[in-house]
Amino acid sequence: METLENIYVYMGKNISFVVALKILHTVSLLAQKENRAFDEVYAEFLESDTYRAIQETGSLMWYENAEFIVDEYYREKSHV
């Protein structure tokens, strides 16, 4: 993994746009499911291991669909 201040690279390709879209889609789904404001959910999501996994390009979490990531986030929250 190479990360340079908000630049995510996987196998030599810049995937920053993909990572940003995945986070946006995931948080949008969470906000919709919980009937809460996007900003509120986003602030909580930033503190999660799931969010950190998306940023860790080698984990390939960024490659999963947003519904899978939402499920992972809820599994994480259930173990706290």
Protein backbone atom coordinates (compact mmCIF):
# COMPACT_ATOMS: atom_id res chain seq x y z
CA MET A 1 0.00 0.00 0.00
CA GLU A 2 1.16 3.48 -0.83
CA THR A 3 -0.78 6.32 0.70
CA LEU A 4 0.21 9.92 0.16
CA GLU A 5 -2.16 12.32 1.88
CA ASN A 6 -5.54 11.15 0.56
CA ILE A 7 -4.11 9.33 -2.45
CA TYR A 8 -4.81 5.61 -2.45
CA VAL A 9 -2.82 3.37 -4.76
CA TYR A 10 -3.39 -0.30 -5.48
CA MET A 11 -1.14 -2.26 -7.84
CA GLY A 12 0.27 0.99 -9.20
CA LYS A 13 -3.12 2.52 -9.95
CA ASN A 14 -4.64 5.52 -8.23
CA ILE A 15 -7.92 4.31 -6.71
CA SER A 16 -8.64 7.45 -4.67
CA PHE A 17 -11.86 8.17 -6.54
CA VAL A 18 -13.10 4.61 -5.99
CA VAL A 19 -12.29 4.78 -2.27
CA ALA A 20 -14.04 8.13 -1.87
CA LEU A 21 -17.14 6.91 -3.74
CA LYS A 22 -17.25 3.73 -1.68
CA ILE A 23 -17.17 5.72 1.56
CA LEU A 24 -19.85 8.08 0.25
CA HIS A 25 -22.12 5.23 -0.83
CA THR A 26 -21.60 3.32 2.42
CA VAL A 27 -22.38 6.31 4.63
CA SER A 28 -25.40 7.19 2.48
CA LEU A 29 -26.76 3.68 2.99
CA LEU A 30 -26.13 3.85 6.72
CA ALA A 31 -27.87 7.24 6.99
CA GLN A 32 -30.84 5.93 5.03
CA LYS A 33 -31.11 2.71 7.07
CA GLU A 34 -30.88 4.58 10.36
CA ASN A 35 -32.99 7.54 9.22
CA ARG A 36 -30.27 9.92 10.43
CA ALA A 37 -28.40 12.85 8.94
CA PHE A 38 -25.48 12.00 6.65
CA ASP A 39 -23.06 14.23 8.59
CA GLU A 40 -23.92 12.58 11.90
CA VAL A 41 -23.45 9.07 10.51
CA TYR A 42 -20.28 10.10 8.69
CA ALA A 43 -18.71 11.42 11.90
CA GLU A 44 -19.38 8.08 13.63
CA PHE A 45 -18.20 6.04 10.65
CA LEU A 46 -14.85 7.87 10.64
CA GLU A 47 -14.12 6.37 14.06
CA SER A 48 -14.69 2.77 12.94
CA ASP A 49 -12.30 -0.04 12.08
CA THR A 50 -14.43 -0.59 8.99
CA TYR A 51 -13.55 2.90 7.74
CA ARG A 52 -9.87 2.26 8.41
CA ALA A 53 -10.11 -1.05 6.50
CA ILE A 54 -11.48 0.76 3.44
CA GLN A 55 -8.47 3.05 3.52
CA GLU A 56 -6.05 0.12 3.84
CA THR A 57 -5.92 -0.70 0.14
CA GLY A 58 -4.35 -4.10 0.73
CA SER A 59 -7.41 -5.23 2.69
CA LEU A 60 -9.51 -4.94 -0.50
CA MET A 61 -12.44 -3.68 1.57
CA TRP A 62 -12.68 -0.78 -0.90
CA TYR A 63 -13.42 -3.39 -3.58
CA GLU A 64 -16.47 -4.81 -1.78
CA ASN A 65 -19.94 -3.47 -2.45
CA ALA A 66 -21.35 -0.87 -0.05
CA GLU A 67 -23.99 -3.28 1.29
CA PHE A 68 -21.25 -5.68 2.39
CA ILE A 69 -19.36 -2.84 4.07
CA VAL A 70 -22.54 -1.74 5.90
CA ASP A 71 -22.92 -5.31 7.20
CA GLU A 72 -19.29 -5.32 8.34
CA TYR A 73 -19.82 -2.00 10.11
CA TYR A 74 -22.86 -3.35 11.96
CA ARG A 75 -20.92 -6.51 12.92
CA GLU A 76 -18.16 -4.29 14.28
CA LYS A 77 -20.62 -2.20 16.28
CA SER A 78 -22.26 -5.30 17.72
CA HIS A 79 -18.94 -6.40 19.24
CA VAL A 80 -18.26 -3.14 21.06
